Amino acid sequence: MIKPWEKISSKPLGDFRIFSLRSDRKISPRTGKEHDVFVIDSVNWVNVIAVTPDRQLVLVEQYRHGSNTVELEIPGGLMDKADASPEATGRRELREETGYEGGTGRVIGQVFPNPAIMSNTCFTLLIEDSRCVHPVDFDQGEDLITRLVPISEVPPLVAEGKIRHAVVIAALYHFDLWQRGLRAPLRPAHTP
């Protein structure tokens, strides 16, 4: 049985507004040897599957600095301290990025974005009956275009490499499972 590694010390290495970096000293339960590991701490994230009354998904196109590309994605973002829940974050992000609002929303999935080096959780929120009712309210660093895509056209967009964001693809998979009546039980999120 694989056991957790014991943390014997932790040292902050830097705070970069949207994430911080730390070095942990841990002991391998198998070898008893000490190792330095590096962890990126970030607040939790929320991705939103927003479905319109006519069964289209609300998607956004936006420039991404890491890949230096324009990507087709679902709305989403970081949980603010003022957000009471993933549902609150998702509703806020959907409204700000697209002007759409819908039902209360419910979490249909959650993943660890990269558990090898990151400590946060990304929630997938489903918001049905989404309609455009507000002007967009972008953050200073955002330029987005809203795209409505029929649900049936989304899998080919992934297969053709037109949707490439890994966490977005995971959210779309959770949506597919939800549509089939399947879903994994939700576990408490890790809070960095």
Foldseek 3Di string as FASTA:
>chain_A
DADDWDWPDKAWDADDPQWTKIWTWTAHPVPRDIDIAMAIEGAAKEFEFEAAPVQWTKWKWWADPVVRDIAIFTFMTGDDPPQPDSLSRRQVRCCQQPQKHADSWDWLDKDDPDVRHYQWMYTYIYGYNIDRDGDHRDDPPIDIDIDIGHLVCVVVCVVVVRHPDVVRVVSNVSVVCVVVVHGDDDDDIGGD
